[in-house]
Amino acid sequence: MIRLAEVARRHAPSSERFGDLLVKFDRLYLETGERAALLEALVVDRGHPQRFFIQLAARDGGVMVRCDPLTDPEKTAGVKHALALAAHRLRFDCGGRYGSTNIAEYLIPEAGRGGGGTV
């Protein structure tokens, strides 16, 4: 099972460039009860910047990854790529597997990782 306290402990700000796309993750805010977290994100897609939070919410045996509804960015390919990258980092750092998703075409392949929970 993926624990958000462990995710917060391992988190480090990062940025990655994919051609004309820049995805940057900055601070991660863990909710007091450790059942939810917000990941500060910046996506610059062909010169169009969007700042938003990615919501991480503990669910039955896993973590749901989605755009925080209060920051609600335009759901561009760059934003979907950022969500997929955040899910991949969870999987890589803490184990698990991808669950049901509406961004399957953006997910980074599992490449033989074992499962400890759903991301």
C-alpha atoms as a PDB file:
ATOM      1  CA  MET A   1       0.000   0.000   0.000  1.00  0.00           C
ATOM      2  CA  ILE A   2       1.231   3.492  -0.869  1.00  0.00           C
ATOM      3  CA  ARG A   3       1.403   5.839   2.116  1.00  0.00           C
ATOM      4  CA  LEU A   4       1.258   9.565   1.430  1.00  0.00           C
ATOM      5  CA  ALA A   5       3.552  10.299   4.394  1.00  0.00           C
ATOM      6  CA  GLU A   6       6.219   8.229   2.619  1.00  0.00           C
ATOM      7  CA  VAL A   7       5.519  10.066  -0.643  1.00  0.00           C
ATOM      8  CA  ALA A   8       5.994  13.402   1.167  1.00  0.00           C
ATOM      9  CA  ARG A   9       9.213  12.193   2.805  1.00  0.00           C
ATOM     10  CA  ARG A  10      10.700  11.160  -0.565  1.00  0.00           C
ATOM     11  CA  HIS A  11       9.478  14.203  -2.518  1.00  0.00           C
ATOM     12  CA  ALA A  12      12.032  16.524  -4.059  1.00  0.00           C
ATOM     13  CA  PRO A  13      11.246  19.397  -6.451  1.00  0.00           C
ATOM     14  CA  SER A  14      12.020  18.505 -10.053  1.00  0.00           C
ATOM     15  CA  SER A  15      11.574  19.605 -13.629  1.00  0.00           C
ATOM     16  CA  GLU A  16      11.639  17.712 -16.899  1.00  0.00           C
ATOM     17  CA  ARG A  17      11.608  18.916 -20.472  1.00  0.00           C
ATOM     18  CA  PHE A  18      10.035  16.955 -23.328  1.00  0.00           C
ATOM     19  CA  GLY A  19      10.618  18.984 -26.500  1.00  0.00           C
ATOM     20  CA  ASP A  20       8.336  22.059 -26.257  1.00  0.00           C
ATOM     21  CA  LEU A  21       6.868  20.833 -22.950  1.00  0.00           C
ATOM     22  CA  LEU A  22       8.222  21.688 -19.498  1.00  0.00           C
ATOM     23  CA  VAL A  23       6.779  19.949 -16.416  1.00  0.00           C
ATOM     24  CA  LYS A  24       7.903  21.226 -13.041  1.00  0.00           C
ATOM     25  CA  PHE A  25       6.902  19.863  -9.624  1.00  0.00           C
ATOM     26  CA  ASP A  26       7.627  22.095  -6.649  1.00  0.00           C
ATOM     27  CA  ARG A  27       6.262  21.795  -3.104  1.00  0.00           C
ATOM     28  CA  LEU A  28       4.136  18.949  -1.792  1.00  0.00           C
ATOM     29  CA  TYR A  29       1.650  19.733   0.975  1.00  0.00           C
ATOM     30  CA  LEU A  30       0.559  16.770   3.120  1.00  0.00           C
ATOM     31  CA  GLU A  31      -2.835  16.972   4.834  1.00  0.00           C
ATOM     32  CA  THR A  32      -2.673  16.622   8.626  1.00  0.00           C
ATOM     33  CA  GLY A  33      -4.418  13.240   8.590  1.00  0.00           C
ATOM     34  CA  GLU A  34      -2.022  11.991   5.868  1.00  0.00           C
ATOM     35  CA  ARG A  35      -4.945  10.918   3.637  1.00  0.00           C
ATOM     36  CA  ALA A  36      -4.439  13.634   0.991  1.00  0.00           C
ATOM     37  CA  ALA A  37      -1.711  15.813  -0.463  1.00  0.00           C
ATOM     38  CA  LEU A  38      -1.341  18.617  -2.988  1.00  0.00           C
ATOM     39  CA  LEU A  39       1.581  18.711  -5.406  1.00  0.00           C
ATOM     40  CA  GLU A  40       2.362  22.141  -6.844  1.00  0.00           C
ATOM     41  CA  ALA A  41       2.802  21.870 -10.631  1.00  0.00           C
ATOM     42  CA  LEU A  42       3.777  24.117 -13.512  1.00  0.00           C
ATOM     43  CA  VAL A  43       3.327  23.075 -17.134  1.00  0.00           C
ATOM     44  CA  VAL A  44       4.640  25.205 -19.988  1.00  0.00           C
ATOM     45  CA  ASP A  45       3.387  23.797 -23.283  1.00  0.00           C
ATOM     46  CA  ARG A  46       4.639  25.665 -26.378  1.00  0.00           C
ATOM     47  CA  GLY A  47       4.992  28.885 -24.386  1.00  0.00           C
ATOM     48  CA  HIS A  48       1.591  28.583 -22.616  1.00  0.00           C
ATOM     49  CA  PRO A  49       2.153  28.339 -18.819  1.00  0.00           C
ATOM     50  CA  GLN A  50      -0.361  26.763 -16.426  1.00  0.00           C
ATOM     51  CA  ARG A  51       0.072  26.578 -12.643  1.00  0.00           C
ATOM     52  CA  PHE A  52      -2.110  24.136 -10.729  1.00  0.00           C
ATOM     53  CA  PHE A  53      -2.150  21.574  -7.949  1.00  0.00           C
ATOM     54  CA  ILE A  54      -2.236  17.831  -8.455  1.00  0.00           C
ATOM     55  CA  GLN A  55      -4.374  16.199  -5.801  1.00  0.00           C
ATOM     56  CA  LEU A  56      -3.205  12.902  -4.315  1.00  0.00           C
ATOM     57  CA  ALA A  57      -5.924  11.158  -2.309  1.00  0.00           C
ATOM     58  CA  ALA A  58      -5.627   7.858  -0.460  1.00  0.00           C
ATOM     59  CA  ARG A  59      -8.215   5.340  -1.621  1.00  0.00           C
ATOM     60  CA  ASP A  60      -8.814   1.629  -1.072  1.00  0.00           C
ATOM     61  CA  GLY A  61      -5.285   0.239  -1.391  1.00  0.00           C
ATOM     62  CA  GLY A  62      -4.035   3.069  -3.595  1.00  0.00           C
ATOM     63  CA  VAL A  63      -3.800   6.743  -4.399  1.00  0.00           C
ATOM     64  CA  MET A  64      -5.999   8.720  -6.782  1.00  0.00           C
ATOM     65  CA  VAL A  65      -4.086  11.296  -8.852  1.00  0.00           C
ATOM     66  CA  ARG A  66      -6.070  14.162 -10.411  1.00  0.00           C
ATOM     67  CA  CYS A  67      -6.101  17.901 -10.967  1.00  0.00           C
ATOM     68  CA  ASP A  68      -7.276  19.735  -7.880  1.00  0.00           C
ATOM     69  CA  PRO A  69     -10.729  21.117  -8.745  1.00  0.00           C
ATOM     70  CA  LEU A  70      -9.977  24.525  -7.179  1.00  0.00           C
ATOM     71  CA  THR A  71      -7.105  25.204  -9.591  1.00  0.00           C
ATOM     72  CA  ASP A  72      -8.783  23.448 -12.576  1.00  0.00           C
ATOM     73  CA  PRO A  73      -6.301  23.958 -15.430  1.00  0.00           C
ATOM     74  CA  GLU A  74      -7.213  23.555 -19.091  1.00  0.00           C
ATOM     75  CA  LYS A  75      -6.806  19.799 -19.713  1.00  0.00           C
ATOM     76  CA  THR A  76      -4.148  20.086 -22.399  1.00  0.00           C
ATOM     77  CA  ALA A  77      -1.848  17.262 -23.431  1.00  0.00           C
ATOM     78  CA  GLY A  78       0.824  18.902 -21.243  1.00  0.00           C
ATOM     79  CA  VAL A  79      -1.392  18.822 -18.139  1.00  0.00           C
ATOM     80  CA  LYS A  80      -2.281  15.177 -18.817  1.00  0.00           C
ATOM     81  CA  HIS A  81       1.419  14.417 -19.237  1.00  0.00           C
ATOM     82  CA  ALA A  82       2.094  16.048 -15.833  1.00  0.00           C
ATOM     83  CA  LEU A  83      -0.593  13.867 -14.205  1.00  0.00           C
ATOM     84  CA  ALA A  84       0.939  10.771 -15.789  1.00  0.00           C
ATOM     85  CA  LEU A  85       4.410  11.806 -14.633  1.00  0.00           C
ATOM     86  CA  ALA A  86       3.163  12.331 -11.056  1.00  0.00           C
ATOM     87  CA  ALA A  87       1.536   8.866 -11.113  1.00  0.00           C
ATOM     88  CA  HIS A  88       4.747   7.355 -12.477  1.00  0.00           C
ATOM     89  CA  ARG A  89       6.799   8.948  -9.691  1.00  0.00           C
ATOM     90  CA  LEU A  90       4.413   7.472  -7.117  1.00  0.00           C
ATOM     91  CA  ARG A  91       4.756   4.038  -8.706  1.00  0.00           C
ATOM     92  CA  PHE A  92       8.526   4.282  -8.989  1.00  0.00           C
ATOM     93  CA  ASP A  93       9.117   5.629  -5.465  1.00  0.00           C
ATOM     94  CA  CYS A  94       6.574   3.559  -3.544  1.00  0.00           C
ATOM     95  CA  GLY A  95       5.586   0.593  -5.725  1.00  0.00           C
ATOM     96  CA  GLY A  96       2.114  -0.094  -7.006  1.00  0.00           C
ATOM     97  CA  ARG A  97       0.445  -0.240 -10.367  1.00  0.00           C
ATOM     98  CA  TYR A  98      -1.803   1.951 -12.457  1.00  0.00           C
ATOM     99  CA  GLY A  99      -5.531   1.599 -11.843  1.00  0.00           C
ATOM    100  CA  SER A 100      -8.398   2.772 -14.034  1.00  0.00           C
ATOM    101  CA  THR A 101      -7.634   6.048 -15.784  1.00  0.00           C
ATOM    102  CA  ASN A 102      -8.761   8.412 -18.516  1.00  0.00           C
ATOM    103  CA  ILE A 103      -5.168   9.322 -19.449  1.00  0.00           C
ATOM    104  CA  ALA A 104      -3.918   5.852 -20.444  1.00  0.00           C
ATOM    105  CA  GLU A 105      -2.179   7.146 -23.586  1.00  0.00           C
ATOM    106  CA  TYR A 106       0.062   9.381 -21.418  1.00  0.00           C
ATOM    107  CA  LEU A 107       1.084   6.786 -18.817  1.00  0.00           C
ATOM    108  CA  ILE A 108       4.695   5.687 -18.569  1.00  0.00           C
ATOM    109  CA  PRO A 109       4.874   1.877 -18.994  1.00  0.00           C
ATOM    110  CA  GLU A 110       5.186  -0.233 -15.857  1.00  0.00           C
ATOM    111  CA  ALA A 111       8.357  -1.971 -17.097  1.00  0.00           C
ATOM    112  CA  GLY A 112       8.198  -4.981 -14.825  1.00  0.00           C
ATOM    113  CA  ARG A 113       7.606  -3.260 -11.469  1.00  0.00           C
ATOM    114  CA  GLY A 114       5.794  -5.276  -8.827  1.00  0.00           C
ATOM    115  CA  GLY A 115       2.548  -4.044  -7.339  1.00  0.00           C
ATOM    116  CA  GLY A 116       1.893  -2.874  -3.814  1.00  0.00           C
ATOM    117  CA  GLY A 117      -1.232  -0.831  -4.482  1.00  0.00           C
ATOM    118  CA  THR A 118      -3.080   1.055  -7.141  1.00  0.00           C
ATOM    119  CA  VAL A 119      -1.930   4.461  -8.305  1.00  0.00           C
END
